[in-house]
């Protein structure tokens, strides 16, 4: 958020992904968090 990016994408490649999303949502509530892989800008 401080760097100007209001969104984060977390891939589910490790068992820690779910916990990472939970922590981001709890600690940075204004950030849009997505799970998966972005393939196109559309």
Protein backbone atom coordinates (compact mmCIF):
# COMPACT_ATOMS: atom_id res chain seq x y z
CA UNK A 1 0.00 0.00 0.00
CA UNK A 2 2.79 2.42 0.85
CA UNK A 3 4.35 1.83 -2.56
CA UNK A 4 1.11 2.59 -4.39
CA UNK A 5 -0.10 -0.96 -5.07
CA UNK A 6 -3.51 -1.48 -3.47
CA UNK A 7 -3.74 -5.18 -4.37
CA UNK A 8 -1.82 -8.39 -3.76
CA UNK A 9 -2.06 -11.81 -5.39
CA UNK A 10 -1.07 -14.88 -3.40
CA UNK A 11 -0.44 -18.16 -5.20
CA UNK A 12 -1.34 -21.45 -3.54
CA UNK A 13 2.00 -23.16 -4.07
CA UNK A 14 2.67 -23.78 -0.40
CA UNK A 15 0.71 -24.69 2.70
CA UNK A 16 1.41 -21.18 4.04
CA UNK A 17 -0.72 -19.44 1.38
CA UNK A 18 -4.00 -19.54 3.29
CA UNK A 19 -2.40 -18.18 6.45
CA UNK A 20 -0.63 -15.48 4.43
CA UNK A 21 -3.96 -14.29 3.04
CA UNK A 22 -5.52 -14.27 6.50
CA UNK A 23 -2.65 -12.19 7.89
CA UNK A 24 -2.68 -9.70 5.01
CA UNK A 25 -6.43 -9.17 5.41
CA UNK A 26 -6.07 -8.72 9.18
CA UNK A 27 -3.03 -6.45 9.10
CA UNK A 28 -3.75 -4.42 5.93
CA UNK A 29 -7.56 -4.26 5.72
CA UNK A 30 -7.60 -1.71 2.87
CA UNK A 31 -5.64 -4.01 0.54
CA UNK A 32 -7.47 -6.07 -2.09
CA UNK A 33 -6.21 -9.65 -1.77
CA UNK A 34 -6.70 -12.30 -4.43
CA UNK A 35 -5.74 -15.94 -4.65
CA UNK A 36 -4.55 -17.57 -7.84
CA UNK A 37 -2.58 -16.39 -10.82
CA UNK A 38 -3.22 -13.30 -12.90
CA UNK A 39 -2.85 -14.23 -16.57
CA UNK A 40 -3.97 -11.01 -18.30
CA UNK A 41 -4.54 -7.42 -17.27
CA UNK A 42 -8.20 -7.69 -18.33
